[in-house]
Amino acid sequence: MDRDDRDDPFGDFFEEIERMMNEMAGGQSGADDAGFGSETHVDAYATSDTVRLVADLPAVSKEQLSLQCDGEALTISAASDRREYDETIDLPAPVDEHSGDATFNNGVLEVEFDRDDDAASIDVV
């Protein structure tokens, strides 16, 4: 037995939800998005010793990634045949930019830095 659209009582419902989500994201239904936009999510966490960032980068391969850090911000750049992505994330604490360690697996980038305790104590005389 062939299935047609009349067999799916939720088809219109899900299409309307998808249309509303695209509208909220600022895109048009079916439009080709130039950047990652709403598909990308970056979280930054600071502990007493480290700063860790986790970024969702769909449709990007490891070879397309470029990371730059100046100790206060991390810039993530990526370019695939379908999209380009370039975002600078302010870090929640100063880091030693040379201590960066990154992994990329299944579209999830994880970057960890040692915190830079650049503050010096001052002796009062």
PDB file of N, CA and C in Angstrom:
ATOM      1  N   MET A   1       0.840  -1.183   0.000  1.00  0.00           N
ATOM      2  CA  MET A   1       0.000   0.000   0.000  1.00  0.00           C
ATOM      3  C   MET A   1       0.879   1.238   0.000  1.00  0.00           C
ATOM      4  N   ASP A   2       0.613   2.157  -0.934  1.00  0.00           N
ATOM      5  CA  ASP A   2       1.382   3.396  -1.018  1.00  0.00           C
ATOM      6  C   ASP A   2       0.916   4.378   0.041  1.00  0.00           C
ATOM      7  N   ARG A   3       1.885   5.112   0.561  1.00  0.00           N
ATOM      8  CA  ARG A   3       1.581   6.106   1.585  1.00  0.00           C
ATOM      9  C   ARG A   3       1.478   7.466   0.902  1.00  0.00           C
ATOM     10  N   ASP A   4       0.496   8.259   1.253  1.00  0.00           N
ATOM     11  CA  ASP A   4       0.427   9.623   0.744  1.00  0.00           C
ATOM     12  C   ASP A   4       0.304  10.580   1.930  1.00  0.00           C
ATOM     13  N   ASP A   5       0.322  11.879   1.636  1.00  0.00           N
ATOM     14  CA  ASP A   5       0.313  12.886   2.693  1.00  0.00           C
ATOM     15  C   ASP A   5      -0.952  12.856   3.537  1.00  0.00           C
ATOM     16  N   ARG A   6      -2.018  12.319   3.013  1.00  0.00           N
ATOM     17  CA  ARG A   6      -3.258  12.269   3.784  1.00  0.00           C
ATOM     18  C   ARG A   6      -3.174  11.262   4.929  1.00  0.00           C
ATOM     19  N   ASP A   7      -2.204  10.339   4.878  1.00  0.00           N
ATOM     20  CA  ASP A   7      -2.047   9.349   5.931  1.00  0.00           C
ATOM     21  C   ASP A   7      -1.355   9.915   7.167  1.00  0.00           C
ATOM     22  N   ASP A   8      -0.727  11.086   7.059  1.00  0.00           N
ATOM     23  CA  ASP A   8       0.028  11.670   8.170  1.00  0.00           C
ATOM     24  C   ASP A   8      -0.786  12.803   8.797  1.00  0.00           C
ATOM     25  N   PRO A   9      -1.430  12.542   9.923  1.00  0.00           N
ATOM     26  CA  PRO A   9      -2.271  13.579  10.528  1.00  0.00           C
ATOM     27  C   PRO A   9      -1.451  14.727  11.123  1.00  0.00           C
ATOM     28  N   PHE A  10      -0.140  14.538  11.322  1.00  0.00           N
ATOM     29  CA  PHE A  10       0.688  15.580  11.929  1.00  0.00           C
ATOM     30  C   PHE A  10       1.540  16.336  10.921  1.00  0.00           C
ATOM     31  N   GLY A  11       1.464  16.001   9.639  1.00  0.00           N
ATOM     32  CA  GLY A  11       2.302  16.628   8.625  1.00  0.00           C
ATOM     33  C   GLY A  11       2.184  18.137   8.612  1.00  0.00           C
ATOM     34  N   ASP A  12       0.983  18.677   8.565  1.00  0.00           N
ATOM     35  CA  ASP A  12       0.781  20.126   8.547  1.00  0.00           C
ATOM     36  C   ASP A  12       1.287  20.767   9.838  1.00  0.00           C
ATOM     37  N   PHE A  13       1.093  20.084  10.947  1.00  0.00           N
ATOM     38  CA  PHE A  13       1.521  20.587  12.244  1.00  0.00           C
ATOM     39  C   PHE A  13       3.036  20.779  12.273  1.00  0.00           C
ATOM     40  N   PHE A  14       3.791  19.756  11.841  1.00  0.00           N
ATOM     41  CA  PHE A  14       5.245  19.840  11.855  1.00  0.00           C
ATOM     42  C   PHE A  14       5.766  20.851  10.831  1.00  0.00           C
ATOM     43  N   GLU A  15       5.127  20.964   9.698  1.00  0.00           N
ATOM     44  CA  GLU A  15       5.524  21.969   8.711  1.00  0.00           C
ATOM     45  C   GLU A  15       5.341  23.377   9.267  1.00  0.00           C
ATOM     46  N   GLU A  16       4.263  23.600  10.005  1.00  0.00           N
ATOM     47  CA  GLU A  16       4.019  24.914  10.594  1.00  0.00           C
ATOM     48  C   GLU A  16       5.039  25.226  11.685  1.00  0.00           C
ATOM     49  N   ILE A  17       5.410  24.242  12.488  1.00  0.00           N
ATOM     50  CA  ILE A  17       6.434  24.452  13.510  1.00  0.00           C
ATOM     51  C   ILE A  17       7.767  24.804  12.851  1.00  0.00           C
ATOM     52  N   GLU A  18       8.128  24.089  11.800  1.00  0.00           N
ATOM     53  CA  GLU A  18       9.377  24.378  11.099  1.00  0.00           C
ATOM     54  C   GLU A  18       9.354  25.779  10.495  1.00  0.00           C
ATOM     55  N   ARG A  19       8.231  26.184   9.927  1.00  0.00           N
ATOM     56  CA  ARG A  19       8.107  27.529   9.358  1.00  0.00           C
ATOM     57  C   ARG A  19       8.284  28.592  10.441  1.00  0.00           C
ATOM     58  N   MET A  20       7.666  28.389  11.605  1.00  0.00           N
ATOM     59  CA  MET A  20       7.773  29.358  12.695  1.00  0.00           C
ATOM     60  C   MET A  20       9.200  29.423  13.241  1.00  0.00           C
ATOM     61  N   MET A  21       9.870  28.275  13.355  1.00  0.00           N
ATOM     62  CA  MET A  21      11.245  28.264  13.845  1.00  0.00           C
ATOM     63  C   MET A  21      12.165  29.000  12.877  1.00  0.00           C
ATOM     64  N   ASN A  22      11.983  28.800  11.581  1.00  0.00           N
ATOM     65  CA  ASN A  22      12.785  29.514  10.584  1.00  0.00           C
ATOM     66  C   ASN A  22      12.530  31.009  10.660  1.00  0.00           C
ATOM     67  N   GLU A  23      11.297  31.385  10.884  1.00  0.00           N
ATOM     68  CA  GLU A  23      10.944  32.792  10.988  1.00  0.00           C
ATOM     69  C   GLU A  23      11.590  33.426  12.213  1.00  0.00           C
ATOM     70  N   MET A  24      11.573  32.714  13.354  1.00  0.00           N
ATOM     71  CA  MET A  24      12.188  33.234  14.570  1.00  0.00           C
ATOM     72  C   MET A  24      13.698  33.354  14.429  1.00  0.00           C
ATOM     73  N   ALA A  25      14.306  32.474  13.655  1.00  0.00           N
ATOM     74  CA  ALA A  25      15.755  32.508  13.446  1.00  0.00           C
ATOM     75  C   ALA A  25      16.144  33.599  12.456  1.00  0.00           C
ATOM     76  N   GLY A  26      15.166  34.282  11.894  1.00  0.00           N
ATOM     77  CA  GLY A  26      15.454  35.371  10.979  1.00  0.00           C
ATOM     78  C   GLY A  26      15.643  34.934   9.546  1.00  0.00           C
ATOM     79  N   GLY A  27      15.385  33.672   9.266  1.00  0.00           N
ATOM     80  CA  GLY A  27      15.538  33.168   7.908  1.00  0.00           C
ATOM     81  C   GLY A  27      14.197  32.925   7.266  1.00  0.00           C
ATOM     82  N   GLN A  28      14.229  32.685   6.000  1.00  0.00           N
ATOM     83  CA  GLN A  28      13.031  32.326   5.256  1.00  0.00           C
ATOM     84  C   GLN A  28      13.031  30.830   5.057  1.00  0.00           C
ATOM     85  N   SER A  29      11.873  30.249   5.021  1.00  0.00           N
ATOM     86  CA  SER A  29      11.772  28.819   4.793  1.00  0.00           C
ATOM     87  C   SER A  29      12.391  28.464   3.455  1.00  0.00           C
ATOM     88  N   GLY A  30      13.373  27.565   3.493  1.00  0.00           N
ATOM     89  CA  GLY A  30      14.012  27.130   2.260  1.00  0.00           C
ATOM     90  C   GLY A  30      15.148  28.025   1.799  1.00  0.00           C
ATOM     91  N   ALA A  31      15.400  29.136   2.494  1.00  0.00           N
ATOM     92  CA  ALA A  31      16.480  30.033   2.086  1.00  0.00           C
ATOM     93  C   ALA A  31      17.820  29.434   2.476  1.00  0.00           C
ATOM     94  N   ASP A  32      18.846  29.731   1.679  1.00  0.00           N
ATOM     95  CA  ASP A  32      20.184  29.235   1.963  1.00  0.00           C
ATOM     96  C   ASP A  32      20.877  30.220   2.881  1.00  0.00           C
ATOM     97  N   ASP A  33      21.192  29.813   4.100  1.00  0.00           N
ATOM     98  CA  ASP A  33      21.810  30.662   5.103  1.00  0.00           C
ATOM     99  C   ASP A  33      23.289  30.807   4.791  1.00  0.00           C
ATOM    100  N   ALA A  34      23.807  32.040   4.779  1.00  0.00           N
ATOM    101  CA  ALA A  34      25.205  32.273   4.456  1.00  0.00           C
ATOM    102  C   ALA A  34      26.136  31.919   5.609  1.00  0.00           C
ATOM    103  N   GLY A  35      25.669  32.032   6.849  1.00  0.00           N
ATOM    104  CA  GLY A  35      26.494  31.704   8.005  1.00  0.00           C
ATOM    105  C   GLY A  35      25.834  30.623   8.822  1.00  0.00           C
ATOM    106  N   PHE A  36      26.487  30.243   9.915  1.00  0.00           N
ATOM    107  CA  PHE A  36      25.906  29.191  10.733  1.00  0.00           C
ATOM    108  C   PHE A  36      24.749  29.721  11.560  1.00  0.00           C
ATOM    109  N   GLY A  37      24.813  30.963  11.992  1.00  0.00           N
ATOM    110  CA  GLY A  37      23.711  31.614  12.676  1.00  0.00           C
ATOM    111  C   GLY A  37      23.128  30.810  13.808  1.00  0.00           C
ATOM    112  N   SER A  38      21.838  30.548  13.745  1.00  0.00           N
ATOM    113  CA  SER A  38      21.134  29.898  14.844  1.00  0.00           C
ATOM    114  C   SER A  38      21.525  28.438  15.009  1.00  0.00           C
ATOM    115  N   GLU A  39      22.232  27.856  14.035  1.00  0.00           N
ATOM    116  CA  GLU A  39      22.645  26.465  14.146  1.00  0.00           C
ATOM    117  C   GLU A  39      23.865  26.308  15.048  1.00  0.00           C
ATOM    118  N   THR A  40      24.507  27.414  15.393  1.00  0.00           N
ATOM    119  CA  THR A  40      25.731  27.358  16.173  1.00  0.00           C
ATOM    120  C   THR A  40      25.452  27.774  17.602  1.00  0.00           C
ATOM    121  N   HIS A  41      26.028  27.015  18.523  1.00  0.00           N
ATOM    122  CA  HIS A  41      25.871  27.326  19.932  1.00  0.00           C
ATOM    123  C   HIS A  41      27.240  27.191  20.584  1.00  0.00           C
ATOM    124  N   VAL A  42      27.666  28.217  21.322  1.00  0.00           N
ATOM    125  CA  VAL A  42      28.961  28.200  21.991  1.00  0.00           C
ATOM    126  C   VAL A  42      28.743  28.442  23.476  1.00  0.00           C
ATOM    127  N   ASP A  43      29.303  27.558  24.303  1.00  0.00           N
ATOM    128  CA  ASP A  43      29.278  27.718  25.753  1.00  0.00           C
ATOM    129  C   ASP A  43      30.706  27.879  26.237  1.00  0.00           C
ATOM    130  N   ALA A  44      30.915  28.758  27.229  1.00  0.00           N
ATOM    131  CA  ALA A  44      32.230  28.951  27.824  1.00  0.00           C
ATOM    132  C   ALA A  44      32.108  28.749  29.330  1.00  0.00           C
ATOM    133  N   TYR A  45      33.042  27.980  29.877  1.00  0.00           N
ATOM    134  CA  TYR A  45      33.041  27.670  31.299  1.00  0.00           C
ATOM    135  C   TYR A  45      34.398  28.021  31.885  1.00  0.00           C
ATOM    136  N   ALA A  46      34.403  28.595  33.073  1.00  0.00           N
ATOM    137  CA  ALA A  46      35.654  28.897  33.756  1.00  0.00           C
ATOM    138  C   ALA A  46      35.674  28.178  35.093  1.00  0.00           C
ATOM    139  N   THR A  47      36.795  27.509  35.373  1.00  0.00           N
ATOM    140  CA  THR A  47      37.026  26.920  36.685  1.00  0.00           C
ATOM    141  C   THR A  47      38.196  27.694  37.303  1.00  0.00           C
ATOM    142  N   SER A  48      38.644  27.268  38.453  1.00  0.00           N
ATOM    143  CA  SER A  48      39.758  27.973  39.092  1.00  0.00           C
ATOM    144  C   SER A  48      41.057  27.789  38.313  1.00  0.00           C
ATOM    145  N   ASP A  49      41.162  26.726  37.503  1.00  0.00           N
ATOM    146  CA  ASP A  49      42.406  26.444  36.774  1.00  0.00           C
ATOM    147  C   ASP A  49      42.304  26.573  35.259  1.00  0.00           C
ATOM    148  N   THR A  50      41.102  26.380  34.690  1.00  0.00           N
ATOM    149  CA  THR A  50      40.973  26.321  33.240  1.00  0.00           C
ATOM    150  C   THR A  50      39.781  27.132  32.743  1.00  0.00           C
ATOM    151  N   VAL A  51      39.806  27.379  31.423  1.00  0.00           N
ATOM    152  CA  VAL A  51      38.654  27.925  30.701  1.00  0.00           C
ATOM    153  C   VAL A  51      38.379  26.949  29.579  1.00  0.00           C
ATOM    154  N   ARG A  52      37.107  26.555  29.447  1.00  0.00           N
ATOM    155  CA  ARG A  52      36.720  25.545  28.450  1.00  0.00           C
ATOM    156  C   ARG A  52      35.582  26.088  27.599  1.00  0.00           C
ATOM    157  N   LEU A  53      35.700  25.913  26.290  1.00  0.00           N
ATOM    158  CA  LEU A  53      34.646  26.296  25.357  1.00  0.00           C
ATOM    159  C   LEU A  53      34.172  25.069  24.607  1.00  0.00           C
ATOM    160  N   VAL A  54      32.859  25.000  24.390  1.00  0.00           N
ATOM    161  CA  VAL A  54      32.252  23.934  23.605  1.00  0.00           C
ATOM    162  C   VAL A  54      31.386  24.610  22.552  1.00  0.00           C
ATOM    163  N   ALA A  55      31.634  24.270  21.277  1.00  0.00           N
ATOM    164  CA  ALA A  55      30.899  24.885  20.173  1.00  0.00           C
ATOM    165  C   ALA A  55      30.331  23.812  19.260  1.00  0.00           C
ATOM    166  N   ASP A  56      29.075  23.970  18.881  1.00  0.00           N
ATOM    167  CA  ASP A  56      28.442  23.098  17.889  1.00  0.00           C
ATOM    168  C   ASP A  56      28.670  23.720  16.523  1.00  0.00           C
ATOM    169  N   LEU A  57      29.343  22.988  15.640  1.00  0.00           N
ATOM    170  CA  LEU A  57      29.643  23.485  14.303  1.00  0.00           C
ATOM    171  C   LEU A  57      29.179  22.465  13.269  1.00  0.00           C
ATOM    172  N   PRO A  58      27.899  22.473  12.940  1.00  0.00           N
ATOM    173  CA  PRO A  58      27.392  21.497  11.976  1.00  0.00           C
ATOM    174  C   PRO A  58      27.935  21.761  10.576  1.00  0.00           C
ATOM    175  N   ALA A  59      28.079  20.707   9.809  1.00  0.00           N
ATOM    176  CA  ALA A  59      28.491  20.770   8.403  1.00  0.00           C
ATOM    177  C   ALA A  59      29.901  21.316   8.214  1.00  0.00           C
ATOM    178  N   VAL A  60      30.778  21.119   9.207  1.00  0.00           N
ATOM    179  CA  VAL A  60      32.165  21.560   9.115  1.00  0.00           C
ATOM    180  C   VAL A  60      33.057  20.362   9.396  1.00  0.00           C
ATOM    181  N   SER A  61      34.180  20.283   8.700  1.00  0.00           N
ATOM    182  CA  SER A  61      35.150  19.235   8.991  1.00  0.00           C
ATOM    183  C   SER A  61      36.323  19.844   9.751  1.00  0.00           C
ATOM    184  N   LYS A  62      37.092  18.997  10.375  1.00  0.00           N
ATOM    185  CA  LYS A  62      38.245  19.430  11.173  1.00  0.00           C
ATOM    186  C   LYS A  62      39.232  20.241  10.335  1.00  0.00           C
ATOM    187  N   GLU A  63      39.418  19.842   9.083  1.00  0.00           N
ATOM    188  CA  GLU A  63      40.365  20.525   8.208  1.00  0.00           C
ATOM    189  C   GLU A  63      39.929  21.952   7.866  1.00  0.00           C
ATOM    190  N   GLN A  64      38.666  22.264   8.006  1.00  0.00           N
ATOM    191  CA  GLN A  64      38.144  23.580   7.650  1.00  0.00           C
ATOM    192  C   GLN A  64      38.191  24.569   8.812  1.00  0.00           C
ATOM    193  N   LEU A  65      38.576  24.105  10.005  1.00  0.00           N
ATOM    194  CA  LEU A  65      38.586  24.945  11.201  1.00  0.00           C
ATOM    195  C   LEU A  65      39.882  25.721  11.348  1.00  0.00           C
ATOM    196  N   SER A  66      39.757  26.940  11.861  1.00  0.00           N
ATOM    197  CA  SER A  66      40.904  27.756  12.219  1.00  0.00           C
ATOM    198  C   SER A  66      40.582  28.437  13.541  1.00  0.00           C
ATOM    199  N   LEU A  67      41.499  28.340  14.517  1.00  0.00           N
ATOM    200  CA  LEU A  67      41.306  28.935  15.834  1.00  0.00           C
ATOM    201  C   LEU A  67      42.426  29.921  16.115  1.00  0.00           C
ATOM    202  N   GLN A  68      42.071  31.080  16.657  1.00  0.00           N
ATOM    203  CA  GLN A  68      43.045  32.097  17.054  1.00  0.00           C
ATOM    204  C   GLN A  68      42.661  32.611  18.435  1.00  0.00           C
ATOM    205  N   CYS A  69      43.649  32.738  19.335  1.00  0.00           N
ATOM    206  CA  CYS A  69      43.377  33.234  20.675  1.00  0.00           C
ATOM    207  C   CYS A  69      44.410  34.288  21.040  1.00  0.00           C
ATOM    208  N   ASP A  70      43.945  35.372  21.666  1.00  0.00           N
ATOM    209  CA  ASP A  70      44.850  36.431  22.109  1.00  0.00           C
ATOM    210  C   ASP A  70      44.943  36.504  23.630  1.00  0.00           C
ATOM    211  N   GLY A  71      44.383  35.514  24.319  1.00  0.00           N
ATOM    212  CA  GLY A  71      44.404  35.504  25.775  1.00  0.00           C
ATOM    213  C   GLY A  71      43.128  36.022  26.398  1.00  0.00           C
ATOM    214  N   GLU A  72      42.347  36.803  25.636  1.00  0.00           N
ATOM    215  CA  GLU A  72      41.092  37.349  26.139  1.00  0.00           C
ATOM    216  C   GLU A  72      39.891  36.943  25.303  1.00  0.00           C
ATOM    217  N   ALA A  73      40.134  36.525  24.053  1.00  0.00           N
ATOM    218  CA  ALA A  73      39.048  36.127  23.158  1.00  0.00           C
ATOM    219  C   ALA A  73      39.534  35.004  22.248  1.00  0.00           C
ATOM    220  N   LEU A  74      38.596  34.169  21.832  1.00  0.00           N
ATOM    221  CA  LEU A  74      38.886  33.082  20.892  1.00  0.00           C
ATOM    222  C   LEU A  74      38.086  33.337  19.625  1.00  0.00           C
ATOM    223  N   THR A  75      38.774  33.311  18.486  1.00  0.00           N
ATOM    224  CA  THR A  75      38.098  33.462  17.195  1.00  0.00           C
ATOM    225  C   THR A  75      38.056  32.097  16.521  1.00  0.00           C
ATOM    226  N   ILE A  76      36.840  31.675  16.178  1.00  0.00           N
ATOM    227  CA  ILE A  76      36.615  30.419  15.482  1.00  0.00           C
ATOM    228  C   ILE A  76      36.212  30.753  14.059  1.00  0.00           C
ATOM    229  N   SER A  77      36.967  30.239  13.093  1.00  0.00           N
ATOM    230  CA  SER A  77      36.651  30.448  11.681  1.00  0.00           C
ATOM    231  C   SER A  77      36.548  29.091  11.010  1.00  0.00           C
ATOM    232  N   ALA A  78      35.612  28.984  10.092  1.00  0.00           N
ATOM    233  CA  ALA A  78      35.459  27.747   9.330  1.00  0.00           C
ATOM    234  C   ALA A  78      34.814  28.096   7.997  1.00  0.00           C
ATOM    235  N   ALA A  79      35.196  27.353   6.982  1.00  0.00           N
ATOM    236  CA  ALA A  79      34.596  27.544   5.662  1.00  0.00           C
ATOM    237  C   ALA A  79      34.404  26.177   5.026  1.00  0.00           C
ATOM    238  N   SER A  80      33.174  25.911   4.644  1.00  0.00           N
ATOM    239  CA  SER A  80      32.889  24.689   3.903  1.00  0.00           C
ATOM    240  C   SER A  80      32.352  25.108   2.543  1.00  0.00           C
ATOM    241  N   ASP A  81      32.057  24.152   1.700  1.00  0.00           N
ATOM    242  CA  ASP A  81      31.527  24.496   0.385  1.00  0.00           C
ATOM    243  C   ASP A  81      30.120  25.086   0.472  1.00  0.00           C
ATOM    244  N   ARG A  82      29.447  24.892   1.612  1.00  0.00           N
ATOM    245  CA  ARG A  82      28.089  25.418   1.778  1.00  0.00           C
ATOM    246  C   ARG A  82      28.010  26.661   2.647  1.00  0.00           C
ATOM    247  N   ARG A  83      28.962  26.841   3.578  1.00  0.00           N
ATOM    248  CA  ARG A  83      28.829  27.927   4.549  1.00  0.00           C
ATOM    249  C   ARG A  83      30.182  28.484   4.959  1.00  0.00           C
ATOM    250  N   GLU A  84      30.113  29.687   5.543  1.00  0.00           N
ATOM    251  CA  GLU A  84      31.285  30.287   6.163  1.00  0.00           C
ATOM    252  C   GLU A  84      30.896  30.715   7.565  1.00  0.00           C
ATOM    253  N   TYR A  85      31.846  30.594   8.483  1.00  0.00           N
ATOM    254  CA  TYR A  85      31.578  30.916   9.870  1.00  0.00           C
ATOM    255  C   TYR A  85      32.785  31.631  10.435  1.00  0.00           C
ATOM    256  N   ASP A  86      32.536  32.730  11.142  1.00  0.00           N
ATOM    257  CA  ASP A  86      33.603  33.490  11.765  1.00  0.00           C
ATOM    258  C   ASP A  86      33.012  34.178  12.987  1.00  0.00           C
ATOM    259  N   GLU A  87      33.457  33.771  14.171  1.00  0.00           N
ATOM    260  CA  GLU A  87      32.910  34.361  15.392  1.00  0.00           C
ATOM    261  C   GLU A  87      34.013  34.508  16.420  1.00  0.00           C
ATOM    262  N   THR A  88      33.987  35.636  17.124  1.00  0.00           N
ATOM    263  CA  THR A  88      34.921  35.881  18.214  1.00  0.00           C
ATOM    264  C   THR A  88      34.148  35.818  19.517  1.00  0.00           C
ATOM    265  N   ILE A  89      34.628  34.970  20.428  1.00  0.00           N
ATOM    266  CA  ILE A  89      33.966  34.762  21.710  1.00  0.00           C
ATOM    267  C   ILE A  89      34.858  35.337  22.795  1.00  0.00           C
ATOM    268  N   ASP A  90      34.325  36.260  23.587  1.00  0.00           N
ATOM    269  CA  ASP A  90      35.069  36.787  24.725  1.00  0.00           C
ATOM    270  C   ASP A  90      35.155  35.696  25.782  1.00  0.00           C
ATOM    271  N   LEU A  91      36.354  35.455  26.279  1.00  0.00           N
ATOM    272  CA  LEU A  91      36.564  34.417  27.278  1.00  0.00           C
ATOM    273  C   LEU A  91      36.166  34.936  28.658  1.00  0.00           C
ATOM    274  N   PRO A  92      35.651  34.054  29.521  1.00  0.00           N
ATOM    275  CA  PRO A  92      35.196  34.499  30.841  1.00  0.00           C
ATOM    276  C   PRO A  92      36.334  34.858  31.793  1.00  0.00           C
ATOM    277  N   ALA A  93      37.582  34.539  31.444  1.00  0.00           N
ATOM    278  CA  ALA A  93      38.751  34.869  32.254  1.00  0.00           C
ATOM    279  C   ALA A  93      39.966  34.889  31.333  1.00  0.00           C
ATOM    280  N   PRO A  94      41.000  35.647  31.703  1.00  0.00           N
ATOM    281  CA  PRO A  94      42.232  35.635  30.887  1.00  0.00           C
ATOM    282  C   PRO A  94      42.853  34.243  30.869  1.00  0.00           C
ATOM    283  N   VAL A  95      43.408  33.863  29.703  1.00  0.00           N
ATOM    284  CA  VAL A  95      44.004  32.531  29.556  1.00  0.00           C
ATOM    285  C   VAL A  95      45.407  32.648  28.998  1.00  0.00           C
ATOM    286  N   ASP A  96      46.185  31.575  29.180  1.00  0.00           N
ATOM    287  CA  ASP A  96      47.479  31.446  28.524  1.00  0.00           C
ATOM    288  C   ASP A  96      47.189  30.895  27.133  1.00  0.00           C
ATOM    289  N   GLU A  97      47.257  31.751  26.117  1.00  0.00           N
ATOM    290  CA  GLU A  97      46.866  31.342  24.767  1.00  0.00           C
ATOM    291  C   GLU A  97      47.725  30.221  24.203  1.00  0.00           C
ATOM    292  N   HIS A  98      48.907  30.023  24.755  1.00  0.00           N
ATOM    293  CA  HIS A  98      49.794  28.965  24.280  1.00  0.00           C
ATOM    294  C   HIS A  98      49.465  27.605  24.888  1.00  0.00           C
ATOM    295  N   SER A  99      48.565  27.571  25.845  1.00  0.00           N
ATOM    296  CA  SER A  99      48.203  26.314  26.501  1.00  0.00           C
ATOM    297  C   SER A  99      46.994  25.647  25.862  1.00  0.00           C
ATOM    298  N   GLY A 100      46.460  26.215  24.797  1.00  0.00           N
ATOM    299  CA  GLY A 100      45.238  25.714  24.175  1.00  0.00           C
ATOM    300  C   GLY A 100      45.329  24.274  23.704  1.00  0.00           C
ATOM    301  N   ASP A 101      44.278  23.524  23.979  1.00  0.00           N
ATOM    302  CA  ASP A 101      44.161  22.139  23.536  1.00  0.00           C
ATOM    303  C   ASP A 101      42.756  21.988  22.958  1.00  0.00           C
ATOM    304  N   ALA A 102      42.651  21.537  21.711  1.00  0.00           N
ATOM    305  CA  ALA A 102      41.347  21.456  21.050  1.00  0.00           C
ATOM    306  C   ALA A 102      41.099  20.071  20.488  1.00  0.00           C
ATOM    307  N   THR A 103      39.822  19.658  20.555  1.00  0.00           N
ATOM    308  CA  THR A 103      39.379  18.428  19.908  1.00  0.00           C
ATOM    309  C   THR A 103      38.134  18.750  19.101  1.00  0.00           C
ATOM    310  N   PHE A 104      37.928  17.980  18.032  1.00  0.00           N
ATOM    311  CA  PHE A 104      36.746  18.170  17.180  1.00  0.00           C
ATOM    312  C   PHE A 104      36.230  16.793  16.809  1.00  0.00           C
ATOM    313  N   ASN A 105      34.992  16.515  17.204  1.00  0.00           N
ATOM    314  CA  ASN A 105      34.409  15.203  16.964  1.00  0.00           C
ATOM    315  C   ASN A 105      32.925  15.349  16.660  1.00  0.00           C
ATOM    316  N   ASN A 106      32.491  14.852  15.508  1.00  0.00           N
ATOM    317  CA  ASN A 106      31.082  14.864  15.110  1.00  0.00           C
ATOM    318  C   ASN A 106      30.452  16.252  15.198  1.00  0.00           C
ATOM    319  N   GLY A 107      31.167  17.273  14.748  1.00  0.00           N
ATOM    320  CA  GLY A 107      30.618  18.621  14.707  1.00  0.00           C
ATOM    321  C   GLY A 107      30.690  19.372  16.021  1.00  0.00           C
ATOM    322  N   VAL A 108      31.349  18.808  17.041  1.00  0.00           N
ATOM    323  CA  VAL A 108      31.461  19.477  18.337  1.00  0.00           C
ATOM    324  C   VAL A 108      32.930  19.814  18.590  1.00  0.00           C
ATOM    325  N   LEU A 109      33.206  21.117  18.732  1.00  0.00           N
ATOM    326  CA  LEU A 109      34.544  21.602  19.023  1.00  0.00           C
ATOM    327  C   LEU A 109      34.662  21.846  20.519  1.00  0.00           C
ATOM    328  N   GLU A 110      35.716  21.309  21.123  1.00  0.00           N
ATOM    329  CA  GLU A 110      36.004  21.560  22.530  1.00  0.00           C
ATOM    330  C   GLU A 110      37.405  22.126  22.627  1.00  0.00           C
ATOM    331  N   VAL A 111      37.524  23.284  23.296  1.00  0.00           N
ATOM    332  CA  VAL A 111      38.816  23.951  23.450  1.00  0.00           C
ATOM    333  C   VAL A 111      39.019  24.234  24.936  1.00  0.00           C
ATOM    334  N   GLU A 112      40.225  23.923  25.419  1.00  0.00           N
ATOM    335  CA  GLU A 112      40.513  24.175  26.828  1.00  0.00           C
ATOM    336  C   GLU A 112      41.842  24.917  26.955  1.00  0.00           C
ATOM    337  N   PHE A 113      41.853  25.920  27.825  1.00  0.00           N
ATOM    338  CA  PHE A 113      43.038  26.726  28.105  1.00  0.00           C
ATOM    339  C   PHE A 113      43.306  26.730  29.598  1.00  0.00           C
ATOM    340  N   ASP A 114      44.591  26.898  29.958  1.00  0.00           N
ATOM    341  CA  ASP A 114      44.934  27.167  31.351  1.00  0.00           C
ATOM    342  C   ASP A 114      44.649  28.635  31.618  1.00  0.00           C
ATOM    343  N   ARG A 115      44.109  28.917  32.794  1.00  0.00           N
ATOM    344  CA  ARG A 115      43.881  30.312  33.157  1.00  0.00           C
ATOM    345  C   ARG A 115      45.214  31.010  33.366  1.00  0.00           C
ATOM    346  N   ASP A 116      45.246  32.271  33.025  1.00  0.00           N
ATOM    347  CA  ASP A 116      46.451  33.070  33.183  1.00  0.00           C
ATOM    348  C   ASP A 116      46.268  33.947  34.410  1.00  0.00           C
ATOM    349  N   ASP A 117      46.981  33.610  35.452  1.00  0.00           N
ATOM    350  CA  ASP A 117      46.919  34.418  36.674  1.00  0.00           C
ATOM    351  C   ASP A 117      47.985  35.492  36.588  1.00  0.00           C
ATOM    352  N   ASP A 118      47.664  36.505  35.808  1.00  0.00           N
ATOM    353  CA  ASP A 118      48.608  37.570  35.537  1.00  0.00           C
ATOM    354  C   ASP A 118      48.650  38.595  36.662  1.00  0.00           C
ATOM    355  N   ALA A 119      47.751  38.449  37.615  1.00  0.00           N
ATOM    356  CA  ALA A 119      47.720  39.398  38.718  1.00  0.00           C
ATOM    357  C   ALA A 119      48.899  39.132  39.648  1.00  0.00           C
ATOM    358  N   ALA A 120      49.544  40.175  40.049  1.00  0.00           N
ATOM    359  CA  ALA A 120      50.685  40.051  40.957  1.00  0.00           C
ATOM    360  C   ALA A 120      50.324  40.654  42.301  1.00  0.00           C
ATOM    361  N   SER A 121      50.763  39.993  43.345  1.00  0.00           N
ATOM    362  CA  SER A 121      50.511  40.558  44.667  1.00  0.00           C
ATOM    363  C   SER A 121      51.512  41.695  44.915  1.00  0.00           C
ATOM    364  N   ILE A 122      51.084  42.668  45.648  1.00  0.00           N
ATOM    365  CA  ILE A 122      51.927  43.843  45.929  1.00  0.00           C
ATOM    366  C   ILE A 122      52.167  43.878  47.423  1.00  0.00           C
ATOM    367  N   ASP A 123      53.421  43.924  47.768  1.00  0.00           N
ATOM    368  CA  ASP A 123      53.773  44.033  49.190  1.00  0.00           C
ATOM    369  C   ASP A 123      53.602  45.469  49.642  1.00  0.00           C
ATOM    370  N   VAL A 124      52.960  45.632  50.763  1.00  0.00           N
ATOM    371  CA  VAL A 124      52.771  46.956  51.332  1.00  0.00           C
ATOM    372  C   VAL A 124      53.896  47.186  52.358  1.00  0.00           C
ATOM    373  N   VAL A 125      54.624  48.275  52.208  1.00  0.00           N
ATOM    374  CA  VAL A 125      55.730  48.563  53.142  1.00  0.00           C
ATOM    375  C   VAL A 125      55.430  49.745  54.017  1.00  0.00           C
TER     376      VAL A 125
END
